Amino acid sequence: SALAETNRPPFDLPEAESELVAGYQVEYSSSPYLMFMIGEYVSIVLM
């Protein structure tokens, strides 16, 4: 469930590049994208 909660493979459906490119991060670049990525990894380590 922690894998699914943090959108990690094999449950990374929100950012499935085969169908949704990069999901909710498609239009993000630079610092905002970095914040999303760090937030994701902080949540993973929290789990």
ModelCIF file with pLDDT and N, C-alpha, C, O atoms, coordinates in Angstrom:
data_MODEL
#
_entry.id   MODEL 
#
_entity.id                         1 
_entity.type                       polymer 
_entity.pdbx_number_of_molecules   1 
#
_entity_poly.entity_id                      1 
_entity_poly.type                           'polypeptide(L)' 
_entity_poly.nstd_linkage                   no 
_entity_poly.nstd_monomer                   no 
_entity_poly.pdbx_seq_one_letter_code       SALAETNRPPFDLPEAESELVAGYQVEYSSSPYLMFMIGEYVSIVLM 
_entity_poly.pdbx_seq_one_letter_code_can   SALAETNRPPFDLPEAESELVAGYQVEYSSSPYLMFMIGEYVSIVLM 
_entity_poly.pdbx_strand_id                 A 
#
loop_
_entity_poly_seq.entity_id 
_entity_poly_seq.num 
_entity_poly_seq.mon_id 
_entity_poly_seq.hetero 
1 1  SER n 
1 2  ALA n 
1 3  LEU n 
1 4  ALA n 
1 5  GLU n 
1 6  THR n 
1 7  ASN n 
1 8  ARG n 
1 9  PRO n 
1 10 PRO n 
1 11 PHE n 
1 12 ASP n 
1 13 LEU n 
1 14 PRO n 
1 15 GLU n 
1 16 ALA n 
1 17 GLU n 
1 18 SER n 
1 19 GLU n 
1 20 LEU n 
1 21 VAL n 
1 22 ALA n 
1 23 GLY n 
1 24 TYR n 
1 25 GLN n 
1 26 VAL n 
1 27 GLU n 
1 28 TYR n 
1 29 SER n 
1 30 SER n 
1 31 SER n 
1 32 PRO n 
1 33 TYR n 
1 34 LEU n 
1 35 MET n 
1 36 PHE n 
1 37 MET n 
1 38 ILE n 
1 39 GLY n 
1 40 GLU n 
1 41 TYR n 
1 42 VAL n 
1 43 SER n 
1 44 ILE n 
1 45 VAL n 
1 46 LEU n 
1 47 MET n 
#
_struct_asym.id          A 
_struct_asym.entity_id   1 
#
loop_
_ma_qa_metric.id 
_ma_qa_metric.mode 
_ma_qa_metric.name 
_ma_qa_metric.software_group_id 
_ma_qa_metric.type 
1 global pLDDT . pLDDT 
2 local  pLDDT . pLDDT 
#
_ma_qa_metric_global.metric_id      1 
_ma_qa_metric_global.metric_value   81.98 
_ma_qa_metric_global.model_id       1 
_ma_qa_metric_global.ordinal_id     1 
#
loop_
_ma_qa_metric_local.label_asym_id 
_ma_qa_metric_local.label_comp_id 
_ma_qa_metric_local.label_seq_id 
_ma_qa_metric_local.metric_id 
_ma_qa_metric_local.metric_value 
_ma_qa_metric_local.model_id 
_ma_qa_metric_local.ordinal_id 
A SER 1  2 92.00 1 1  
A ALA 2  2 92.00 1 2  
A LEU 3  2 92.00 1 3  
A ALA 4  2 89.00 1 4  
A GLU 5  2 87.00 1 5  
A THR 6  2 86.00 1 6  
A ASN 7  2 82.00 1 7  
A ARG 8  2 84.00 1 8  
A PRO 9  2 81.00 1 9  
A PRO 10 2 84.00 1 10 
A PHE 11 2 84.00 1 11 
A ASP 12 2 79.00 1 12 
A LEU 13 2 73.00 1 13 
A PRO 14 2 68.00 1 14 
A GLU 15 2 67.00 1 15 
A ALA 16 2 63.00 1 16 
A GLU 17 2 61.00 1 17 
A SER 18 2 59.00 1 18 
A GLU 19 2 63.00 1 19 
A LEU 20 2 60.00 1 20 
A VAL 21 2 62.00 1 21 
A ALA 22 2 64.00 1 22 
A GLY 23 2 70.00 1 23 
A TYR 24 2 74.00 1 24 
A GLN 25 2 76.00 1 25 
A VAL 26 2 77.00 1 26 
A GLU 27 2 81.00 1 27 
A TYR 28 2 84.00 1 28 
A SER 29 2 83.00 1 29 
A SER 30 2 86.00 1 30 
A SER 31 2 88.00 1 31 
A PRO 32 2 88.00 1 32 
A TYR 33 2 89.00 1 33 
A LEU 34 2 90.00 1 34 
A MET 35 2 91.00 1 35 
A PHE 36 2 88.00 1 36 
A MET 37 2 89.00 1 37 
A ILE 38 2 92.00 1 38 
A GLY 39 2 91.00 1 39 
A GLU 40 2 89.00 1 40 
A TYR 41 2 92.00 1 41 
A VAL 42 2 94.00 1 42 
A SER 43 2 92.00 1 43 
A ILE 44 2 93.00 1 44 
A VAL 45 2 95.00 1 45 
A LEU 46 2 95.00 1 46 
A MET 47 2 94.00 1 47 
#
loop_
_atom_site.group_PDB 
_atom_site.id 
_atom_site.type_symbol 
_atom_site.label_atom_id 
_atom_site.label_alt_id 
_atom_site.label_comp_id 
_atom_site.label_asym_id 
_atom_site.label_entity_id 
_atom_site.label_seq_id 
_atom_site.pdbx_PDB_ins_code 
_atom_site.Cartn_x 
_atom_site.Cartn_y 
_atom_site.Cartn_z 
_atom_site.occupancy 
_atom_site.B_iso_or_equiv 
_atom_site.pdbx_formal_charge 
_atom_site.auth_seq_id 
_atom_site.auth_comp_id 
_atom_site.auth_asym_id 
_atom_site.auth_atom_id 
_atom_site.pdbx_PDB_model_num 
ATOM 1   N N  . SER A 1 1  ? 0.832  -1.211 0.000   1.00 92.00 ? 1  SER A N  1 
ATOM 2   C CA . SER A 1 1  ? 0.000  0.000  0.000   1.00 92.00 ? 1  SER A CA 1 
ATOM 3   C C  . SER A 1 1  ? 0.864  1.258  0.000   1.00 92.00 ? 1  SER A C  1 
ATOM 4   O O  . SER A 1 1  ? 0.483  2.272  -0.585  1.00 92.00 ? 1  SER A O  1 
ATOM 5   N N  . ALA A 1 2  ? 2.025  1.198  0.653   1.00 92.00 ? 2  ALA A N  1 
ATOM 6   C CA . ALA A 1 2  ? 2.939  2.344  0.657   1.00 92.00 ? 2  ALA A CA 1 
ATOM 7   C C  . ALA A 1 2  ? 3.466  2.626  -0.745  1.00 92.00 ? 2  ALA A C  1 
ATOM 8   O O  . ALA A 1 2  ? 3.650  3.782  -1.124  1.00 92.00 ? 2  ALA A O  1 
ATOM 9   N N  . LEU A 1 3  ? 3.708  1.566  -1.512  1.00 92.00 ? 3  LEU A N  1 
ATOM 10  C CA . LEU A 1 3  ? 4.119  1.742  -2.914  1.00 92.00 ? 3  LEU A CA 1 
ATOM 11  C C  . LEU A 1 3  ? 3.045  2.489  -3.693  1.00 92.00 ? 3  LEU A C  1 
ATOM 12  O O  . LEU A 1 3  ? 3.343  3.411  -4.452  1.00 92.00 ? 3  LEU A O  1 
ATOM 13  N N  . ALA A 1 4  ? 1.781  2.079  -3.495  1.00 89.00 ? 4  ALA A N  1 
ATOM 14  C CA . ALA A 1 4  ? 0.670  2.723  -4.208  1.00 89.00 ? 4  ALA A CA 1 
ATOM 15  C C  . ALA A 1 4  ? 0.448  4.150  -3.712  1.00 89.00 ? 4  ALA A C  1 
ATOM 16  O O  . ALA A 1 4  ? 0.166  5.051  -4.501  1.00 89.00 ? 4  ALA A O  1 
ATOM 17  N N  . GLU A 1 5  ? 0.576  4.349  -2.403  1.00 87.00 ? 5  GLU A N  1 
ATOM 18  C CA . GLU A 1 5  ? 0.334  5.661  -1.802  1.00 87.00 ? 5  GLU A CA 1 
ATOM 19  C C  . GLU A 1 5  ? 1.343  6.695  -2.316  1.00 87.00 ? 5  GLU A C  1 
ATOM 20  O O  . GLU A 1 5  ? 1.003  7.867  -2.476  1.00 87.00 ? 5  GLU A O  1 
ATOM 21  N N  . THR A 1 6  ? 2.577  6.263  -2.574  1.00 86.00 ? 6  THR A N  1 
ATOM 22  C CA . THR A 1 6  ? 3.629  7.192  -3.020  1.00 86.00 ? 6  THR A CA 1 
ATOM 23  C C  . THR A 1 6  ? 3.823  7.160  -4.538  1.00 86.00 ? 6  THR A C  1 
ATOM 24  O O  . THR A 1 6  ? 4.793  7.716  -5.053  1.00 86.00 ? 6  THR A O  1 
ATOM 25  N N  . ASN A 1 7  ? 2.897  6.506  -5.254  1.00 82.00 ? 7  ASN A N  1 
ATOM 26  C CA . ASN A 1 7  ? 2.950  6.434  -6.727  1.00 82.00 ? 7  ASN A CA 1 
ATOM 27  C C  . ASN A 1 7  ? 4.250  5.817  -7.241  1.00 82.00 ? 7  ASN A C  1 
ATOM 28  O O  . ASN A 1 7  ? 4.800  6.248  -8.255  1.00 82.00 ? 7  ASN A O  1 
ATOM 29  N N  . ARG A 1 8  ? 4.726  4.811  -6.529  1.00 84.00 ? 8  ARG A N  1 
ATOM 30  C CA . ARG A 1 8  ? 5.951  4.122  -6.962  1.00 84.00 ? 8  ARG A CA 1 
ATOM 31  C C  . ARG A 1 8  ? 5.591  2.931  -7.848  1.00 84.00 ? 8  ARG A C  1 
ATOM 32  O O  . ARG A 1 8  ? 4.505  2.368  -7.715  1.00 84.00 ? 8  ARG A O  1 
ATOM 33  N N  . PRO A 1 9  ? 6.502  2.540  -8.758  1.00 81.00 ? 9  PRO A N  1 
ATOM 34  C CA . PRO A 1 9  ? 6.269  1.306  -9.514  1.00 81.00 ? 9  PRO A CA 1 
ATOM 35  C C  . PRO A 1 9  ? 6.071  0.142  -8.548  1.00 81.00 ? 9  PRO A C  1 
ATOM 36  O O  . PRO A 1 9  ? 6.709  0.133  -7.495  1.00 81.00 ? 9  PRO A O  1 
ATOM 37  N N  . PRO A 1 10 ? 5.213  -0.849 -8.853  1.00 84.00 ? 10 PRO A N  1 
ATOM 38  C CA . PRO A 1 10 ? 4.460  -1.015 -10.105 1.00 84.00 ? 10 PRO A CA 1 
ATOM 39  C C  . PRO A 1 10 ? 3.134  -0.257 -10.123 1.00 84.00 ? 10 PRO A C  1 
ATOM 40  O O  . PRO A 1 10 ? 2.272  -0.552 -10.952 1.00 84.00 ? 10 PRO A O  1 
ATOM 41  N N  . PHE A 1 11 ? 2.953  0.717  -9.223  1.00 84.00 ? 11 PHE A N  1 
ATOM 42  C CA . PHE A 1 11 ? 1.686  1.450  -9.152  1.00 84.00 ? 11 PHE A CA 1 
ATOM 43  C C  . PHE A 1 11 ? 1.858  2.896  -9.608  1.00 84.00 ? 11 PHE A C  1 
ATOM 44  O O  . PHE A 1 11 ? 1.167  3.783  -9.108  1.00 84.00 ? 11 PHE A O  1 
ATOM 45  N N  . ASP A 1 12 ? 2.768  3.148  -10.551 1.00 79.00 ? 12 ASP A N  1 
ATOM 46  C CA . ASP A 1 12 ? 3.021  4.527  -10.997 1.00 79.00 ? 12 ASP A CA 1 
ATOM 47  C C  . ASP A 1 12 ? 2.098  4.912  -12.156 1.00 79.00 ? 12 ASP A C  1 
ATOM 48  O O  . ASP A 1 12 ? 2.524  5.548  -13.120 1.00 79.00 ? 12 ASP A O  1 
ATOM 49  N N  . LEU A 1 13 ? 0.835  4.516  -12.045 1.00 73.00 ? 13 LEU A N  1 
ATOM 50  C CA . LEU A 1 13 ? -0.146 4.800  -13.106 1.00 73.00 ? 13 LEU A CA 1 
ATOM 51  C C  . LEU A 1 13 ? -0.323 6.292  -13.379 1.00 73.00 ? 13 LEU A C  1 
ATOM 52  O O  . LEU A 1 13 ? -0.492 6.675  -14.536 1.00 73.00 ? 13 LEU A O  1 
ATOM 53  N N  . PRO A 1 14 ? -0.289 7.165  -12.335 1.00 68.00 ? 14 PRO A N  1 
ATOM 54  C CA . PRO A 1 14 ? -0.480 8.594  -12.605 1.00 68.00 ? 14 PRO A CA 1 
ATOM 55  C C  . PRO A 1 14 ? 0.586  9.175  -13.533 1.00 68.00 ? 14 PRO A C  1 
ATOM 56  O O  . PRO A 1 14 ? 0.335  10.180 -14.198 1.00 68.00 ? 14 PRO A O  1 
ATOM 57  N N  . GLU A 1 15 ? 1.761  8.567  -13.588 1.00 67.00 ? 15 GLU A N  1 
ATOM 58  C CA . GLU A 1 15 ? 2.829  9.094  -14.449 1.00 67.00 ? 15 GLU A CA 1 
ATOM 59  C C  . GLU A 1 15 ? 3.295  8.025  -15.438 1.00 67.00 ? 15 GLU A C  1 
ATOM 60  O O  . GLU A 1 15 ? 4.483  7.928  -15.746 1.00 67.00 ? 15 GLU A O  1 
ATOM 61  N N  . ALA A 1 16 ? 2.352  7.229  -15.929 1.00 63.00 ? 16 ALA A N  1 
ATOM 62  C CA . ALA A 1 16 ? 2.686  6.155  -16.869 1.00 63.00 ? 16 ALA A CA 1 
ATOM 63  C C  . ALA A 1 16 ? 3.073  6.753  -18.214 1.00 63.00 ? 16 ALA A C  1 
ATOM 64  O O  . ALA A 1 16 ? 2.220  7.268  -18.937 1.00 63.00 ? 16 ALA A O  1 
ATOM 65  N N  . GLU A 1 17 ? 4.370  6.686  -18.554 1.00 61.00 ? 17 GLU A N  1 
ATOM 66  C CA . GLU A 1 17 ? 4.846  7.374  -19.760 1.00 61.00 ? 17 GLU A CA 1 
ATOM 67  C C  . GLU A 1 17 ? 4.284  6.772  -21.047 1.00 61.00 ? 17 GLU A C  1 
ATOM 68  O O  . GLU A 1 17 ? 4.275  7.436  -22.084 1.00 61.00 ? 17 GLU A O  1 
ATOM 69  N N  . SER A 1 18 ? 3.812  5.510  -20.995 1.00 59.00 ? 18 SER A N  1 
ATOM 70  C CA . SER A 1 18 ? 3.288  4.878  -22.203 1.00 59.00 ? 18 SER A CA 1 
ATOM 71  C C  . SER A 1 18 ? 1.928  5.449  -22.612 1.00 59.00 ? 18 SER A C  1 
ATOM 72  O O  . SER A 1 18 ? 1.520  5.309  -23.765 1.00 59.00 ? 18 SER A O  1 
ATOM 73  N N  . GLU A 1 19 ? 1.224  6.091  -21.674 1.00 63.00 ? 19 GLU A N  1 
ATOM 74  C CA . GLU A 1 19 ? -0.106 6.607  -22.008 1.00 63.00 ? 19 GLU A CA 1 
ATOM 75  C C  . GLU A 1 19 ? -0.307 8.062  -21.590 1.00 63.00 ? 19 GLU A C  1 
ATOM 76  O O  . GLU A 1 19 ? -0.994 8.813  -22.282 1.00 63.00 ? 19 GLU A O  1 
ATOM 77  N N  . LEU A 1 20 ? 0.290  8.471  -20.457 1.00 60.00 ? 20 LEU A N  1 
ATOM 78  C CA . LEU A 1 20 ? 0.060  9.828  -19.954 1.00 60.00 ? 20 LEU A CA 1 
ATOM 79  C C  . LEU A 1 20 ? 1.327  10.681 -19.946 1.00 60.00 ? 20 LEU A C  1 
ATOM 80  O O  . LEU A 1 20 ? 1.408  11.665 -19.210 1.00 60.00 ? 20 LEU A O  1 
ATOM 81  N N  . VAL A 1 21 ? 2.314  10.308 -20.759 1.00 62.00 ? 21 VAL A N  1 
ATOM 82  C CA . VAL A 1 21 ? 3.605  11.008 -20.825 1.00 62.00 ? 21 VAL A CA 1 
ATOM 83  C C  . VAL A 1 21 ? 4.231  11.014 -19.417 1.00 62.00 ? 21 VAL A C  1 
ATOM 84  O O  . VAL A 1 21 ? 4.831  10.014 -19.021 1.00 62.00 ? 21 VAL A O  1 
ATOM 85  N N  . ALA A 1 22 ? 4.106  12.110 -18.654 1.00 64.00 ? 22 ALA A N  1 
ATOM 86  C CA . ALA A 1 22 ? 4.641  12.125 -17.282 1.00 64.00 ? 22 ALA A CA 1 
ATOM 87  C C  . ALA A 1 22 ? 3.554  12.451 -16.277 1.00 64.00 ? 22 ALA A C  1 
ATOM 88  O O  . ALA A 1 22 ? 3.847  12.921 -15.178 1.00 64.00 ? 22 ALA A O  1 
ATOM 89  N N  . GLY A 1 23 ? 2.290  12.204 -16.643 1.00 70.00 ? 23 GLY A N  1 
ATOM 90  C CA . GLY A 1 23 ? 1.186  12.429 -15.718 1.00 70.00 ? 23 GLY A CA 1 
ATOM 91  C C  . GLY A 1 23 ? 1.055  13.881 -15.306 1.00 70.00 ? 23 GLY A C  1 
ATOM 92  O O  . GLY A 1 23 ? 1.194  14.782 -16.133 1.00 70.00 ? 23 GLY A O  1 
ATOM 93  N N  . TYR A 1 24 ? 0.788  14.111 -14.029 1.00 74.00 ? 24 TYR A N  1 
ATOM 94  C CA . TYR A 1 24 ? 0.543  15.473 -13.546 1.00 74.00 ? 24 TYR A CA 1 
ATOM 95  C C  . TYR A 1 24 ? 1.780  16.354 -13.628 1.00 74.00 ? 24 TYR A C  1 
ATOM 96  O O  . TYR A 1 24 ? 1.679  17.560 -13.403 1.00 74.00 ? 24 TYR A O  1 
ATOM 97  N N  . GLN A 1 25 ? 2.955  15.789 -13.946 1.00 76.00 ? 25 GLN A N  1 
ATOM 98  C CA . GLN A 1 25 ? 4.190  16.571 -14.022 1.00 76.00 ? 25 GLN A CA 1 
ATOM 99  C C  . GLN A 1 25 ? 4.536  16.986 -15.456 1.00 76.00 ? 25 GLN A C  1 
ATOM 100 O O  . GLN A 1 25 ? 5.599  17.563 -15.685 1.00 76.00 ? 25 GLN A O  1 
ATOM 101 N N  . VAL A 1 26 ? 3.658  16.701 -16.423 1.00 77.00 ? 26 VAL A N  1 
ATOM 102 C CA . VAL A 1 26 ? 3.979  16.928 -17.832 1.00 77.00 ? 26 VAL A CA 1 
ATOM 103 C C  . VAL A 1 26 ? 4.463  18.349 -18.099 1.00 77.00 ? 26 VAL A C  1 
ATOM 104 O O  . VAL A 1 26 ? 5.495  18.544 -18.742 1.00 77.00 ? 26 VAL A O  1 
ATOM 105 N N  . GLU A 1 27 ? 3.725  19.338 -17.610 1.00 81.00 ? 27 GLU A N  1 
ATOM 106 C CA . GLU A 1 27 ? 4.022  20.732 -17.951 1.00 81.00 ? 27 GLU A CA 1 
ATOM 107 C C  . GLU A 1 27 ? 5.053  21.367 -17.014 1.00 81.00 ? 27 GLU A C  1 
ATOM 108 O O  . GLU A 1 27 ? 5.374  22.546 -17.161 1.00 81.00 ? 27 GLU A O  1 
ATOM 109 N N  . TYR A 1 28 ? 5.570  20.603 -16.062 1.00 84.00 ? 28 TYR A N  1 
ATOM 110 C CA . TYR A 1 28 ? 6.496  21.176 -15.081 1.00 84.00 ? 28 TYR A CA 1 
ATOM 111 C C  . TYR A 1 28 ? 7.945  21.019 -15.517 1.00 84.00 ? 28 TYR A C  1 
ATOM 112 O O  . TYR A 1 28 ? 8.313  20.026 -16.144 1.00 84.00 ? 28 TYR A O  1 
ATOM 113 N N  . SER A 1 29 ? 8.757  22.006 -15.179 1.00 83.00 ? 29 SER A N  1 
ATOM 114 C CA . SER A 1 29 ? 10.192 21.943 -15.447 1.00 83.00 ? 29 SER A CA 1 
ATOM 115 C C  . SER A 1 29 ? 10.910 22.731 -14.361 1.00 83.00 ? 29 SER A C  1 
ATOM 116 O O  . SER A 1 29 ? 10.278 23.373 -13.522 1.00 83.00 ? 29 SER A O  1 
ATOM 117 N N  . SER A 1 30 ? 12.210 22.676 -14.386 1.00 86.00 ? 30 SER A N  1 
ATOM 118 C CA . SER A 1 30 ? 13.023 23.470 -13.480 1.00 86.00 ? 30 SER A CA 1 
ATOM 119 C C  . SER A 1 30 ? 12.676 23.236 -11.994 1.00 86.00 ? 30 SER A C  1 
ATOM 120 O O  . SER A 1 30 ? 12.425 22.101 -11.586 1.00 86.00 ? 30 SER A O  1 
ATOM 121 N N  . SER A 1 31 ? 12.663 24.307 -11.194 1.00 88.00 ? 31 SER A N  1 
ATOM 122 C CA . SER A 1 31 ? 12.475 24.190 -9.738  1.00 88.00 ? 31 SER A CA 1 
ATOM 123 C C  . SER A 1 31 ? 11.138 23.570 -9.336  1.00 88.00 ? 31 SER A C  1 
ATOM 124 O O  . SER A 1 31 ? 11.124 22.739 -8.428  1.00 88.00 ? 31 SER A O  1 
ATOM 125 N N  . PRO A 1 32 ? 9.999  23.933 -9.971  1.00 88.00 ? 32 PRO A N  1 
ATOM 126 C CA . PRO A 1 32 ? 8.742  23.286 -9.582  1.00 88.00 ? 32 PRO A CA 1 
ATOM 127 C C  . PRO A 1 32 ? 8.770  21.765 -9.764  1.00 88.00 ? 32 PRO A C  1 
ATOM 128 O O  . PRO A 1 32 ? 8.256  21.027 -8.924  1.00 88.00 ? 32 PRO A O  1 
ATOM 129 N N  . TYR A 1 33 ? 9.369  21.301 -10.861 1.00 89.00 ? 33 TYR A N  1 
ATOM 130 C CA . TYR A 1 33 ? 9.496  19.852 -11.066 1.00 89.00 ? 33 TYR A CA 1 
ATOM 131 C C  . TYR A 1 33 ? 10.382 19.241 -9.987  1.00 89.00 ? 33 TYR A C  1 
ATOM 132 O O  . TYR A 1 33 ? 10.098 18.160 -9.471  1.00 89.00 ? 33 TYR A O  1 
ATOM 133 N N  . LEU A 1 34 ? 11.462 19.952 -9.651  1.00 90.00 ? 34 LEU A N  1 
ATOM 134 C CA . LEU A 1 34 ? 12.366 19.482 -8.596  1.00 90.00 ? 34 LEU A CA 1 
ATOM 135 C C  . LEU A 1 34 ? 11.621 19.318 -7.275  1.00 90.00 ? 34 LEU A C  1 
ATOM 136 O O  . LEU A 1 34 ? 11.842 18.351 -6.547  1.00 90.00 ? 34 LEU A O  1 
ATOM 137 N N  . MET A 1 35 ? 10.727 20.281 -6.966  1.00 91.00 ? 35 MET A N  1 
ATOM 138 C CA . MET A 1 35 ? 9.956  20.195 -5.712  1.00 91.00 ? 35 MET A CA 1 
ATOM 139 C C  . MET A 1 35 ? 9.053  18.967 -5.707  1.00 91.00 ? 35 MET A C  1 
ATOM 140 O O  . MET A 1 35 ? 8.954  18.271 -4.696  1.00 91.00 ? 35 MET A O  1 
ATOM 141 N N  . PHE A 1 36 ? 8.396  18.700 -6.829  1.00 88.00 ? 36 PHE A N  1 
ATOM 142 C CA . PHE A 1 36 ? 7.568  17.496 -6.928  1.00 88.00 ? 36 PHE A CA 1 
ATOM 143 C C  . PHE A 1 36 ? 8.413  16.241 -6.676  1.00 88.00 ? 36 PHE A C  1 
ATOM 144 O O  . PHE A 1 36 ? 8.002  15.342 -5.942  1.00 88.00 ? 36 PHE A O  1 
ATOM 145 N N  . MET A 1 37 ? 9.599  16.193 -7.297  1.00 89.00 ? 37 MET A N  1 
ATOM 146 C CA . MET A 1 37 ? 10.445 15.004 -7.195  1.00 89.00 ? 37 MET A CA 1 
ATOM 147 C C  . MET A 1 37 ? 10.961 14.811 -5.765  1.00 89.00 ? 37 MET A C  1 
ATOM 148 O O  . MET A 1 37 ? 10.942 13.700 -5.235  1.00 89.00 ? 37 MET A O  1 
ATOM 149 N N  . ILE A 1 38 ? 11.423 15.913 -5.143  1.00 92.00 ? 38 ILE A N  1 
ATOM 150 C CA . ILE A 1 38 ? 11.909 15.809 -3.756  1.00 92.00 ? 38 ILE A CA 1 
ATOM 151 C C  . ILE A 1 38 ? 10.758 15.417 -2.829  1.00 92.00 ? 38 ILE A C  1 
ATOM 152 O O  . ILE A 1 38 ? 10.929 14.580 -1.943  1.00 92.00 ? 38 ILE A O  1 
ATOM 153 N N  . GLY A 1 39 ? 9.579  16.028 -3.036  1.00 91.00 ? 39 GLY A N  1 
ATOM 154 C CA . GLY A 1 39 ? 8.415  15.685 -2.223  1.00 91.00 ? 39 GLY A CA 1 
ATOM 155 C C  . GLY A 1 39 ? 8.064  14.209 -2.316  1.00 91.00 ? 39 GLY A C  1 
ATOM 156 O O  . GLY A 1 39 ? 7.708  13.576 -1.322  1.00 91.00 ? 39 GLY A O  1 
ATOM 157 N N  . GLU A 1 40 ? 8.170  13.664 -3.540  1.00 89.00 ? 40 GLU A N  1 
ATOM 158 C CA . GLU A 1 40 ? 7.878  12.242 -3.724  1.00 89.00 ? 40 GLU A CA 1 
ATOM 159 C C  . GLU A 1 40 ? 8.864  11.374 -2.951  1.00 89.00 ? 40 GLU A C  1 
ATOM 160 O O  . GLU A 1 40 ? 8.463  10.411 -2.297  1.00 89.00 ? 40 GLU A O  1 
ATOM 161 N N  . TYR A 1 41 ? 10.148 11.707 -3.020  1.00 92.00 ? 41 TYR A N  1 
ATOM 162 C CA . TYR A 1 41 ? 11.156 10.898 -2.325  1.00 92.00 ? 41 TYR A CA 1 
ATOM 163 C C  . TYR A 1 41 ? 11.101 11.086 -0.809  1.00 92.00 ? 41 TYR A C  1 
ATOM 164 O O  . TYR A 1 41 ? 11.365 10.145 -0.061  1.00 92.00 ? 41 TYR A O  1 
ATOM 165 N N  . VAL A 1 42 ? 10.760 12.298 -0.346  1.00 94.00 ? 42 VAL A N  1 
ATOM 166 C CA . VAL A 1 42 ? 10.578 12.510 1.097   1.00 94.00 ? 42 VAL A CA 1 
ATOM 167 C C  . VAL A 1 42 ? 9.434  11.635 1.608   1.00 94.00 ? 42 VAL A C  1 
ATOM 168 O O  . VAL A 1 42 ? 9.534  11.049 2.686   1.00 94.00 ? 42 VAL A O  1 
ATOM 169 N N  . SER A 1 43 ? 8.341  11.542 0.832   1.00 92.00 ? 43 SER A N  1 
ATOM 170 C CA . SER A 1 43 ? 7.200  10.692 1.212   1.00 92.00 ? 43 SER A CA 1 
ATOM 171 C C  . SER A 1 43 ? 7.584  9.217  1.220   1.00 92.00 ? 43 SER A C  1 
ATOM 172 O O  . SER A 1 43 ? 7.143  8.459  2.085   1.00 92.00 ? 43 SER A O  1 
ATOM 173 N N  . ILE A 1 44 ? 8.409  8.811  0.252   1.00 93.00 ? 44 ILE A N  1 
ATOM 174 C CA . ILE A 1 44 ? 8.846  7.411  0.183   1.00 93.00 ? 44 ILE A CA 1 
ATOM 175 C C  . ILE A 1 44 ? 9.662  7.055  1.423   1.00 93.00 ? 44 ILE A C  1 
ATOM 176 O O  . ILE A 1 44 ? 9.438  6.015  2.043   1.00 93.00 ? 44 ILE A O  1 
ATOM 177 N N  . VAL A 1 45 ? 10.614 7.927  1.782   1.00 95.00 ? 45 VAL A N  1 
ATOM 178 C CA . VAL A 1 45 ? 11.458 7.650  2.955   1.00 95.00 ? 45 VAL A CA 1 
ATOM 179 C C  . VAL A 1 45 ? 10.618 7.704  4.232   1.00 95.00 ? 45 VAL A C  1 
ATOM 180 O O  . VAL A 1 45 ? 10.891 6.971  5.182   1.00 95.00 ? 45 VAL A O  1 
ATOM 181 N N  . LEU A 1 46 ? 9.592  8.572  4.261   1.00 95.00 ? 46 LEU A N  1 
ATOM 182 C CA . LEU A 1 46 ? 8.674  8.610  5.410   1.00 95.00 ? 46 LEU A CA 1 
ATOM 183 C C  . LEU A 1 46 ? 7.960  7.269  5.562   1.00 95.00 ? 46 LEU A C  1 
ATOM 184 O O  . LEU A 1 46 ? 7.823  6.760  6.675   1.00 95.00 ? 46 LEU A O  1 
ATOM 185 N N  . MET A 1 47 ? 7.505  6.695  4.446   1.00 94.00 ? 47 MET A N  1 
ATOM 186 C CA . MET A 1 47 ? 6.844  5.387  4.491   1.00 94.00 ? 47 MET A CA 1 
ATOM 187 C C  . MET A 1 47 ? 7.816  4.295  4.957   1.00 94.00 ? 47 MET A C  1 
ATOM 188 O O  . MET A 1 47 ? 7.434  3.129  5.055   1.00 94.00 ? 47 MET A O  1 
#
